[in-house]
């Protein structure tokens, strides 16, 4: 059994440890503190029966007032022994709900490595994110990232029309099924 709950400052070290175990993009502790102090409603953890953090979502609200109000998923991670149980989906949905309900976000954005097919499937199929753009060399190792967005129906005032990038396949080549 796994419990999804709002993260507290006491969870930050375990969240960072989970990040270090699972992801190539790592953050200093002050970055976790910045998130929990600024947007505590958006940080969620999954804990096992023994109270060990087995997954987390680290999220924030973007502060650029020239753009529509929106959230951003900074990091999502679930340890390997607990994958394929719907934990990542539950963490994402909980954080997204708070972005929409508490902050009035129109959409949420995230970046995902082009090579991360499992995460791309989670975001595009399970959570209905759309590719907004491709950011060349986004990651420290030079890999490209998909810039993805998921619009909230209740707050999406001015959803832009689908961009040409939405017609790309996961490899970034034109999708032959698109006209």
N, C-alpha and C. Protein backbone atom coordinates (compact mmCIF):
# COMPACT_ATOMS: atom_id res chain seq x y z
N UNK A 1 0.85 -1.19 0.00
CA UNK A 1 0.00 0.00 0.00
C UNK A 1 0.88 1.24 0.00
N UNK A 2 0.49 2.22 -0.76
CA UNK A 2 1.22 3.48 -0.84
C UNK A 2 0.26 4.61 -0.50
N UNK A 3 0.75 5.56 0.27
CA UNK A 3 -0.04 6.72 0.67
C UNK A 3 0.50 7.95 -0.06
N UNK A 4 -0.38 8.69 -0.71
CA UNK A 4 -0.01 9.96 -1.36
C UNK A 4 -0.40 11.07 -0.40
N UNK A 5 0.56 11.92 -0.06
CA UNK A 5 0.26 13.03 0.85
C UNK A 5 1.12 14.23 0.49
N UNK A 6 0.69 15.39 0.99
CA UNK A 6 1.45 16.61 0.76
C UNK A 6 2.80 16.51 1.45
N UNK A 7 3.83 16.94 0.77
CA UNK A 7 5.18 16.88 1.32
C UNK A 7 5.35 17.92 2.42
N UNK A 8 6.24 17.62 3.34
CA UNK A 8 6.62 18.56 4.38
C UNK A 8 8.13 18.79 4.29
N UNK A 9 8.61 19.75 5.02
CA UNK A 9 10.05 20.03 5.02
C UNK A 9 10.83 18.80 5.48
N UNK A 10 10.22 17.96 6.31
CA UNK A 10 10.89 16.75 6.79
C UNK A 10 11.08 15.70 5.70
N UNK A 11 10.39 15.84 4.57
CA UNK A 11 10.51 14.89 3.46
C UNK A 11 11.60 15.27 2.47
N UNK A 12 12.12 16.46 2.55
CA UNK A 12 13.01 16.95 1.49
C UNK A 12 14.26 16.10 1.29
N UNK A 13 14.86 15.62 2.36
CA UNK A 13 16.06 14.80 2.21
C UNK A 13 15.74 13.49 1.49
N UNK A 14 14.62 12.86 1.83
CA UNK A 14 14.23 11.63 1.14
C UNK A 14 13.84 11.90 -0.31
N UNK A 15 13.24 13.05 -0.58
CA UNK A 15 12.92 13.42 -1.95
C UNK A 15 14.21 13.57 -2.76
N UNK A 16 15.18 14.25 -2.18
CA UNK A 16 16.46 14.42 -2.87
C UNK A 16 17.14 13.07 -3.10
N UNK A 17 17.08 12.19 -2.11
CA UNK A 17 17.68 10.86 -2.25
C UNK A 17 17.00 10.09 -3.38
N UNK A 18 15.68 10.14 -3.45
CA UNK A 18 14.94 9.49 -4.53
C UNK A 18 15.37 10.06 -5.87
N UNK A 19 15.52 11.37 -5.94
CA UNK A 19 15.98 12.02 -7.17
C UNK A 19 17.36 11.50 -7.57
N UNK A 20 18.27 11.43 -6.62
CA UNK A 20 19.63 10.98 -6.91
C UNK A 20 19.66 9.53 -7.38
N UNK A 21 18.78 8.70 -6.85
CA UNK A 21 18.72 7.29 -7.24
C UNK A 21 18.15 7.08 -8.64
N UNK A 22 17.25 7.96 -9.05
CA UNK A 22 16.45 7.69 -10.25
C UNK A 22 16.72 8.57 -11.46
N UNK A 23 17.22 9.77 -11.25
CA UNK A 23 17.28 10.73 -12.36
C UNK A 23 18.68 11.29 -12.57
N UNK A 24 19.00 11.63 -13.82
CA UNK A 24 20.30 12.26 -14.09
C UNK A 24 20.32 13.76 -13.76
N UNK A 25 19.14 14.38 -13.64
CA UNK A 25 19.07 15.80 -13.30
C UNK A 25 18.88 15.90 -11.79
N UNK A 26 19.86 16.47 -11.12
CA UNK A 26 19.82 16.56 -9.67
C UNK A 26 19.86 18.00 -9.22
N UNK A 27 19.35 18.23 -8.00
CA UNK A 27 19.21 19.58 -7.48
C UNK A 27 19.84 19.69 -6.11
N UNK A 28 20.33 20.88 -5.80
CA UNK A 28 20.85 21.13 -4.46
C UNK A 28 19.66 21.27 -3.51
N UNK A 29 19.91 21.04 -2.23
CA UNK A 29 18.83 21.08 -1.24
C UNK A 29 18.13 22.44 -1.20
N UNK A 30 18.86 23.51 -1.45
CA UNK A 30 18.23 24.83 -1.40
C UNK A 30 17.12 24.97 -2.45
N UNK A 31 17.22 24.23 -3.55
CA UNK A 31 16.20 24.26 -4.58
C UNK A 31 14.91 23.61 -4.07
N UNK A 32 15.03 22.51 -3.34
CA UNK A 32 13.87 21.87 -2.73
C UNK A 32 13.23 22.82 -1.70
N UNK A 33 14.06 23.46 -0.89
CA UNK A 33 13.54 24.41 0.10
C UNK A 33 12.80 25.55 -0.59
N UNK A 34 13.37 26.08 -1.67
CA UNK A 34 12.72 27.15 -2.42
C UNK A 34 11.32 26.73 -2.86
N UNK A 35 11.18 25.53 -3.38
CA UNK A 35 9.88 25.04 -3.83
C UNK A 35 8.89 24.89 -2.68
N UNK A 36 9.33 24.27 -1.60
CA UNK A 36 8.37 24.01 -0.51
C UNK A 36 7.99 25.29 0.23
N UNK A 37 8.88 26.26 0.27
CA UNK A 37 8.55 27.54 0.90
C UNK A 37 7.66 28.39 0.01
N UNK A 38 7.83 28.28 -1.29
CA UNK A 38 7.06 29.11 -2.23
C UNK A 38 5.72 28.50 -2.62
N UNK A 39 5.69 27.20 -2.84
CA UNK A 39 4.48 26.52 -3.34
C UNK A 39 4.26 25.20 -2.60
N UNK A 40 4.05 25.23 -1.29
CA UNK A 40 3.93 23.97 -0.54
C UNK A 40 2.77 23.09 -1.01
N UNK A 41 1.75 23.69 -1.60
CA UNK A 41 0.58 22.93 -2.06
C UNK A 41 0.91 22.02 -3.24
N UNK A 42 2.03 22.27 -3.91
CA UNK A 42 2.33 21.56 -5.15
C UNK A 42 3.31 20.40 -4.99
N UNK A 43 3.88 20.24 -3.80
CA UNK A 43 4.84 19.16 -3.56
C UNK A 43 4.14 18.00 -2.86
N UNK A 44 4.23 16.82 -3.46
CA UNK A 44 3.55 15.63 -2.95
C UNK A 44 4.53 14.47 -2.91
N UNK A 45 4.32 13.58 -1.97
CA UNK A 45 5.15 12.38 -1.86
C UNK A 45 4.27 11.15 -1.80
N UNK A 46 4.86 10.03 -2.20
CA UNK A 46 4.25 8.71 -2.03
C UNK A 46 5.12 8.00 -1.01
N UNK A 47 4.48 7.48 0.03
CA UNK A 47 5.24 6.76 1.05
C UNK A 47 4.70 5.35 1.20
N UNK A 48 5.60 4.41 1.51
CA UNK A 48 5.19 3.03 1.69
C UNK A 48 4.65 2.82 3.11
N UNK A 49 4.33 1.58 3.44
CA UNK A 49 3.75 1.25 4.75
C UNK A 49 4.68 1.59 5.91
N UNK A 50 5.97 1.71 5.62
CA UNK A 50 6.94 2.00 6.67
C UNK A 50 7.28 3.50 6.75
N UNK A 51 6.58 4.31 5.96
CA UNK A 51 6.81 5.74 5.97
C UNK A 51 7.97 6.20 5.10
N UNK A 52 8.54 5.30 4.30
CA UNK A 52 9.65 5.65 3.41
C UNK A 52 9.10 6.30 2.14
N UNK A 53 9.70 7.40 1.74
CA UNK A 53 9.30 8.07 0.50
C UNK A 53 9.78 7.23 -0.69
N UNK A 54 8.82 6.83 -1.53
CA UNK A 54 9.14 6.01 -2.70
C UNK A 54 8.88 6.76 -4.01
N UNK A 55 8.39 7.99 -3.90
CA UNK A 55 8.15 8.82 -5.07
C UNK A 55 7.79 10.22 -4.64
N UNK A 56 7.95 11.15 -5.57
CA UNK A 56 7.62 12.55 -5.27
C UNK A 56 7.35 13.31 -6.56
N UNK A 57 6.68 14.44 -6.42
CA UNK A 57 6.57 15.41 -7.49
C UNK A 57 6.99 16.76 -6.91
N UNK A 58 7.85 17.43 -7.63
CA UNK A 58 8.36 18.76 -7.27
C UNK A 58 7.83 19.71 -8.34
N UNK A 59 7.02 20.68 -7.93
CA UNK A 59 6.38 21.55 -8.91
C UNK A 59 6.36 22.99 -8.42
N UNK A 60 6.06 23.89 -9.34
CA UNK A 60 6.05 25.32 -9.02
C UNK A 60 5.07 26.04 -9.93
N UNK A 61 4.82 27.29 -9.59
CA UNK A 61 4.06 28.18 -10.47
C UNK A 61 5.07 29.08 -11.16
N UNK A 62 4.90 29.25 -12.45
CA UNK A 62 5.78 30.15 -13.19
C UNK A 62 5.39 31.59 -12.85
N UNK A 63 6.38 32.45 -12.75
CA UNK A 63 6.13 33.81 -12.28
C UNK A 63 6.23 34.87 -13.36
N UNK A 64 6.37 34.47 -14.62
CA UNK A 64 6.46 35.41 -15.73
C UNK A 64 5.05 35.93 -16.03
N UNK A 65 4.80 37.19 -15.68
CA UNK A 65 3.46 37.76 -15.84
C UNK A 65 3.09 38.05 -17.29
N UNK A 66 4.05 37.93 -18.21
CA UNK A 66 3.74 38.14 -19.62
C UNK A 66 3.11 36.89 -20.25
N UNK A 67 3.10 35.79 -19.50
CA UNK A 67 2.50 34.53 -19.98
C UNK A 67 1.24 34.24 -19.17
N UNK A 68 0.35 33.42 -19.72
CA UNK A 68 -0.82 33.01 -18.92
C UNK A 68 -0.37 32.31 -17.65
N UNK A 69 -1.17 32.39 -16.61
CA UNK A 69 -0.83 31.76 -15.34
C UNK A 69 -0.74 30.25 -15.54
N UNK A 70 0.42 29.69 -15.19
CA UNK A 70 0.58 28.24 -15.36
C UNK A 70 1.60 27.67 -14.39
N UNK A 71 1.46 26.38 -14.16
CA UNK A 71 2.39 25.65 -13.31
C UNK A 71 3.44 24.95 -14.14
N UNK A 72 4.44 24.42 -13.45
CA UNK A 72 5.50 23.67 -14.12
C UNK A 72 5.93 22.51 -13.23
N UNK A 73 6.02 21.34 -13.81
CA UNK A 73 6.54 20.17 -13.11
C UNK A 73 8.05 20.20 -13.23
N UNK A 74 8.71 20.42 -12.11
CA UNK A 74 10.17 20.48 -12.08
C UNK A 74 10.76 19.09 -12.13
N UNK A 75 10.20 18.16 -11.34
CA UNK A 75 10.76 16.82 -11.25
C UNK A 75 9.70 15.85 -10.74
N UNK A 76 9.70 14.66 -11.32
CA UNK A 76 8.83 13.57 -10.91
C UNK A 76 9.67 12.31 -10.86
N UNK A 77 9.58 11.57 -9.78
CA UNK A 77 10.38 10.35 -9.67
C UNK A 77 9.70 9.33 -8.78
N UNK A 78 9.77 8.08 -9.19
CA UNK A 78 9.30 6.94 -8.40
C UNK A 78 10.41 5.89 -8.44
N UNK A 79 10.76 5.34 -7.28
CA UNK A 79 11.84 4.35 -7.27
C UNK A 79 11.39 3.11 -8.05
N UNK A 80 12.36 2.43 -8.65
CA UNK A 80 12.08 1.32 -9.57
C UNK A 80 11.17 0.24 -8.98
N UNK A 81 11.36 -0.08 -7.71
CA UNK A 81 10.56 -1.15 -7.10
C UNK A 81 9.09 -0.81 -6.97
N UNK A 82 8.74 0.45 -7.17
CA UNK A 82 7.35 0.89 -7.01
C UNK A 82 6.74 1.44 -8.30
N UNK A 83 7.40 1.22 -9.42
CA UNK A 83 6.86 1.70 -10.70
C UNK A 83 5.77 0.77 -11.22
N UNK A 84 5.02 1.27 -12.17
CA UNK A 84 3.91 0.55 -12.81
C UNK A 84 2.78 0.25 -11.84
N UNK A 85 2.59 1.13 -10.86
CA UNK A 85 1.49 0.98 -9.89
C UNK A 85 0.57 2.20 -9.89
N UNK A 86 0.79 3.13 -10.81
CA UNK A 86 -0.03 4.33 -10.87
C UNK A 86 0.41 5.43 -9.92
N UNK A 87 1.56 5.27 -9.30
CA UNK A 87 2.03 6.26 -8.32
C UNK A 87 2.38 7.59 -9.00
N UNK A 88 3.11 7.53 -10.09
CA UNK A 88 3.48 8.77 -10.81
C UNK A 88 2.23 9.51 -11.27
N UNK A 89 1.26 8.77 -11.78
CA UNK A 89 0.00 9.37 -12.23
C UNK A 89 -0.71 10.06 -11.06
N UNK A 90 -0.78 9.38 -9.93
CA UNK A 90 -1.45 9.96 -8.76
C UNK A 90 -0.74 11.20 -8.26
N UNK A 91 0.58 11.18 -8.23
CA UNK A 91 1.35 12.35 -7.80
C UNK A 91 1.11 13.53 -8.75
N UNK A 92 1.17 13.27 -10.04
CA UNK A 92 0.95 14.33 -11.02
C UNK A 92 -0.45 14.92 -10.91
N UNK A 93 -1.43 14.08 -10.83
CA UNK A 93 -2.82 14.57 -10.76
C UNK A 93 -3.06 15.40 -9.51
N UNK A 94 -2.46 15.01 -8.41
CA UNK A 94 -2.64 15.75 -7.16
C UNK A 94 -2.02 17.14 -7.26
N UNK A 95 -0.80 17.22 -7.78
CA UNK A 95 -0.15 18.51 -7.93
C UNK A 95 -0.89 19.39 -8.94
N UNK A 96 -1.32 18.79 -10.04
CA UNK A 96 -2.05 19.54 -11.06
C UNK A 96 -3.36 20.09 -10.51
N UNK A 97 -4.05 19.31 -9.69
CA UNK A 97 -5.31 19.77 -9.09
C UNK A 97 -5.08 21.02 -8.26
N UNK A 98 -3.99 21.03 -7.50
CA UNK A 98 -3.68 22.20 -6.67
C UNK A 98 -3.32 23.41 -7.54
N UNK A 99 -2.59 23.19 -8.63
CA UNK A 99 -2.27 24.30 -9.53
C UNK A 99 -3.53 24.97 -10.04
N UNK A 100 -4.49 24.14 -10.42
CA UNK A 100 -5.74 24.65 -10.98
C UNK A 100 -6.63 25.27 -9.90
N UNK A 101 -6.83 24.54 -8.80
CA UNK A 101 -7.78 24.99 -7.78
C UNK A 101 -7.24 26.12 -6.90
N UNK A 102 -6.01 26.03 -6.47
CA UNK A 102 -5.44 27.02 -5.55
C UNK A 102 -4.91 28.24 -6.28
N UNK A 103 -4.22 28.01 -7.40
CA UNK A 103 -3.55 29.11 -8.09
C UNK A 103 -4.25 29.57 -9.36
N UNK A 104 -5.29 28.88 -9.79
CA UNK A 104 -6.02 29.28 -10.99
C UNK A 104 -5.22 29.14 -12.27
N UNK A 105 -4.34 28.14 -12.32
CA UNK A 105 -3.50 27.93 -13.50
C UNK A 105 -4.35 27.53 -14.70
N UNK A 106 -3.94 28.02 -15.87
CA UNK A 106 -4.60 27.64 -17.12
C UNK A 106 -4.05 26.32 -17.66
N UNK A 107 -2.78 26.08 -17.39
CA UNK A 107 -2.16 24.84 -17.85
C UNK A 107 -0.93 24.54 -17.01
N UNK A 108 -0.36 23.37 -17.22
CA UNK A 108 0.89 22.97 -16.58
C UNK A 108 1.86 22.55 -17.68
N UNK A 109 3.11 22.89 -17.49
CA UNK A 109 4.14 22.54 -18.47
C UNK A 109 5.18 21.62 -17.82
N UNK A 110 5.95 20.97 -18.66
CA UNK A 110 7.07 20.17 -18.19
C UNK A 110 8.01 19.92 -19.36
N UNK A 111 9.20 19.44 -19.02
CA UNK A 111 10.17 19.02 -20.03
C UNK A 111 10.44 17.54 -19.81
N UNK A 112 10.61 16.82 -20.89
CA UNK A 112 10.96 15.39 -20.80
C UNK A 112 11.98 15.08 -21.89
N UNK A 113 12.95 14.26 -21.53
CA UNK A 113 13.97 13.85 -22.49
C UNK A 113 13.31 13.15 -23.67
N UNK A 114 13.79 13.44 -24.87
CA UNK A 114 13.25 12.78 -26.06
C UNK A 114 13.45 11.27 -25.99
N UNK A 115 14.50 10.82 -25.31
CA UNK A 115 14.79 9.38 -25.22
C UNK A 115 13.97 8.67 -24.15
N UNK A 116 13.26 9.39 -23.30
CA UNK A 116 12.53 8.78 -22.18
C UNK A 116 11.12 8.39 -22.64
N UNK A 117 11.04 7.26 -23.31
CA UNK A 117 9.77 6.82 -23.90
C UNK A 117 8.71 6.50 -22.85
N UNK A 118 9.12 5.94 -21.71
CA UNK A 118 8.15 5.61 -20.65
C UNK A 118 7.52 6.88 -20.11
N UNK A 119 8.32 7.90 -19.83
CA UNK A 119 7.79 9.17 -19.31
C UNK A 119 6.94 9.85 -20.38
N UNK A 120 7.39 9.82 -21.63
CA UNK A 120 6.62 10.44 -22.71
C UNK A 120 5.23 9.78 -22.80
N UNK A 121 5.18 8.46 -22.67
CA UNK A 121 3.90 7.75 -22.70
C UNK A 121 3.01 8.18 -21.53
N UNK A 122 3.59 8.25 -20.33
CA UNK A 122 2.83 8.70 -19.16
C UNK A 122 2.23 10.07 -19.42
N UNK A 123 3.05 11.00 -19.88
CA UNK A 123 2.57 12.37 -20.08
C UNK A 123 1.59 12.48 -21.23
N UNK A 124 1.90 11.89 -22.38
CA UNK A 124 1.06 12.10 -23.56
C UNK A 124 -0.20 11.23 -23.57
N UNK A 125 -0.09 9.99 -23.15
CA UNK A 125 -1.24 9.08 -23.22
C UNK A 125 -2.06 9.11 -21.93
N UNK A 126 -1.42 8.87 -20.80
CA UNK A 126 -2.14 8.78 -19.53
C UNK A 126 -2.64 10.14 -19.04
N UNK A 127 -1.80 11.17 -19.17
CA UNK A 127 -2.13 12.47 -18.59
C UNK A 127 -2.53 13.53 -19.62
N UNK A 128 -2.57 13.17 -20.89
CA UNK A 128 -3.07 14.04 -21.97
C UNK A 128 -2.26 15.33 -22.18
N UNK A 129 -0.95 15.24 -22.00
CA UNK A 129 -0.09 16.37 -22.35
C UNK A 129 0.12 16.37 -23.86
N UNK A 130 0.39 17.56 -24.39
CA UNK A 130 0.67 17.72 -25.82
C UNK A 130 2.05 18.32 -25.98
N UNK A 131 2.73 17.94 -27.05
CA UNK A 131 4.04 18.54 -27.34
C UNK A 131 3.80 19.97 -27.80
N UNK A 132 4.42 20.92 -27.12
CA UNK A 132 4.32 22.32 -27.47
C UNK A 132 5.50 22.72 -28.36
N UNK A 133 6.66 22.15 -28.07
CA UNK A 133 7.88 22.52 -28.79
C UNK A 133 8.96 21.48 -28.49
N UNK A 134 10.06 21.57 -29.20
CA UNK A 134 11.25 20.78 -28.90
C UNK A 134 12.35 21.76 -28.56
N UNK A 135 12.97 21.59 -27.40
CA UNK A 135 14.06 22.47 -26.99
C UNK A 135 15.38 21.74 -27.22
N UNK A 136 16.11 22.21 -28.21
CA UNK A 136 17.38 21.60 -28.59
C UNK A 136 18.41 21.78 -27.48
N UNK A 137 19.10 20.70 -27.14
CA UNK A 137 20.19 20.76 -26.16
C UNK A 137 19.76 21.21 -24.78
N UNK A 138 18.53 20.94 -24.40
CA UNK A 138 17.98 21.42 -23.12
C UNK A 138 18.74 20.86 -21.92
N UNK A 139 19.09 19.60 -21.97
CA UNK A 139 19.73 18.94 -20.82
C UNK A 139 21.24 19.15 -20.84
N UNK A 140 21.84 19.03 -19.66
CA UNK A 140 23.28 19.28 -19.49
C UNK A 140 24.13 18.41 -20.42
N UNK A 141 23.66 17.22 -20.73
CA UNK A 141 24.42 16.33 -21.62
C UNK A 141 24.14 16.60 -23.09
N UNK A 142 23.34 17.63 -23.38
CA UNK A 142 23.06 18.02 -24.76
C UNK A 142 21.82 17.41 -25.37
N UNK A 143 21.14 16.50 -24.65
CA UNK A 143 19.95 15.88 -25.21
C UNK A 143 18.81 16.90 -25.33
N UNK A 144 18.01 16.73 -26.37
CA UNK A 144 16.84 17.57 -26.59
C UNK A 144 15.72 17.19 -25.64
N UNK A 145 14.82 18.14 -25.41
CA UNK A 145 13.66 17.90 -24.55
C UNK A 145 12.39 18.26 -25.30
N UNK A 146 11.34 17.49 -25.04
CA UNK A 146 10.01 17.91 -25.44
C UNK A 146 9.52 18.88 -24.38
N UNK A 147 9.03 20.03 -24.82
CA UNK A 147 8.33 20.99 -23.95
C UNK A 147 6.86 20.61 -24.11
N UNK A 148 6.25 20.11 -23.03
CA UNK A 148 4.88 19.61 -23.10
C UNK A 148 3.96 20.43 -22.21
N UNK A 149 2.68 20.44 -22.60
CA UNK A 149 1.68 21.18 -21.84
C UNK A 149 0.40 20.36 -21.71
N UNK A 150 -0.26 20.59 -20.58
CA UNK A 150 -1.58 20.00 -20.34
C UNK A 150 -2.48 21.15 -19.89
N UNK A 151 -3.52 21.40 -20.65
CA UNK A 151 -4.44 22.50 -20.36
C UNK A 151 -5.56 22.05 -19.44
N UNK A 152 -5.89 22.90 -18.47
CA UNK A 152 -6.99 22.63 -17.56
C UNK A 152 -8.26 23.19 -18.17
N UNK A 153 -9.26 22.36 -18.32
CA UNK A 153 -10.50 22.77 -18.99
C UNK A 153 -11.17 23.96 -18.32
N UNK A 154 -11.21 23.99 -17.00
CA UNK A 154 -11.96 25.03 -16.30
C UNK A 154 -11.29 26.40 -16.36
N UNK A 155 -9.98 26.44 -16.57
CA UNK A 155 -9.28 27.72 -16.54
C UNK A 155 -8.63 28.12 -17.86
N UNK A 156 -8.70 27.27 -18.87
CA UNK A 156 -8.04 27.56 -20.14
C UNK A 156 -8.83 28.62 -20.90
N UNK A 157 -8.41 29.88 -20.77
CA UNK A 157 -9.12 30.99 -21.40
C UNK A 157 -8.76 31.15 -22.87
N UNK A 158 -7.49 30.96 -23.16
CA UNK A 158 -7.02 31.24 -24.52
C UNK A 158 -6.06 30.15 -24.98
N UNK A 159 -6.56 28.94 -25.05
CA UNK A 159 -5.72 27.83 -25.49
C UNK A 159 -5.31 28.06 -26.94
N UNK A 160 -4.01 28.05 -27.20
CA UNK A 160 -3.57 28.28 -28.57
C UNK A 160 -3.91 27.09 -29.46
N UNK A 161 -4.03 27.33 -30.78
CA UNK A 161 -4.26 26.20 -31.68
C UNK A 161 -3.04 25.28 -31.65
N UNK A 162 -3.26 24.02 -31.99
CA UNK A 162 -2.16 23.07 -32.01
C UNK A 162 -1.06 23.57 -32.94
N UNK A 163 0.18 23.51 -32.47
CA UNK A 163 1.31 23.96 -33.26
C UNK A 163 1.76 22.82 -34.17
N UNK A 164 2.59 23.17 -35.12
CA UNK A 164 3.12 22.16 -36.03
C UNK A 164 3.87 21.08 -35.26
N UNK A 165 4.48 21.44 -34.13
CA UNK A 165 5.25 20.47 -33.36
C UNK A 165 4.39 19.31 -32.88
N UNK A 166 3.09 19.52 -32.73
CA UNK A 166 2.22 18.45 -32.27
C UNK A 166 2.16 17.32 -33.30
N UNK A 167 2.58 17.60 -34.52
CA UNK A 167 2.60 16.58 -35.57
C UNK A 167 3.89 15.79 -35.62
N UNK A 168 4.74 15.91 -34.60
CA UNK A 168 5.99 15.16 -34.57
C UNK A 168 5.79 13.82 -33.90
N UNK A 169 6.54 12.86 -34.37
CA UNK A 169 6.58 11.58 -33.69
C UNK A 169 7.53 11.70 -32.50
N UNK A 170 7.63 10.69 -31.69
CA UNK A 170 8.47 10.76 -30.50
C UNK A 170 9.94 10.99 -30.86
N UNK A 171 10.38 10.54 -32.02
CA UNK A 171 11.76 10.74 -32.43
C UNK A 171 11.99 12.13 -33.00
N UNK A 172 10.93 12.91 -33.19
CA UNK A 172 11.07 14.26 -33.71
C UNK A 172 10.99 14.33 -35.22
N UNK A 173 10.64 13.21 -35.86
CA UNK A 173 10.48 13.18 -37.32
C UNK A 173 9.01 13.42 -37.64
N UNK A 174 8.71 14.02 -38.78
CA UNK A 174 7.31 14.26 -39.12
C UNK A 174 6.50 12.95 -39.05
N UNK A 175 5.33 13.05 -38.49
CA UNK A 175 4.44 11.92 -38.37
C UNK A 175 3.76 11.70 -39.72
N UNK A 176 3.96 10.54 -40.29
CA UNK A 176 3.43 10.23 -41.61
C UNK A 176 1.90 10.20 -41.61
N UNK A 177 1.28 10.00 -40.46
CA UNK A 177 -0.18 9.95 -40.39
C UNK A 177 -0.81 11.32 -40.37
N UNK A 178 -0.03 12.37 -40.18
CA UNK A 178 -0.57 13.73 -40.17
C UNK A 178 -0.58 14.26 -41.59
N UNK A 179 -1.61 14.98 -41.94
CA UNK A 179 -1.70 15.57 -43.28
C UNK A 179 -0.92 16.85 -43.34
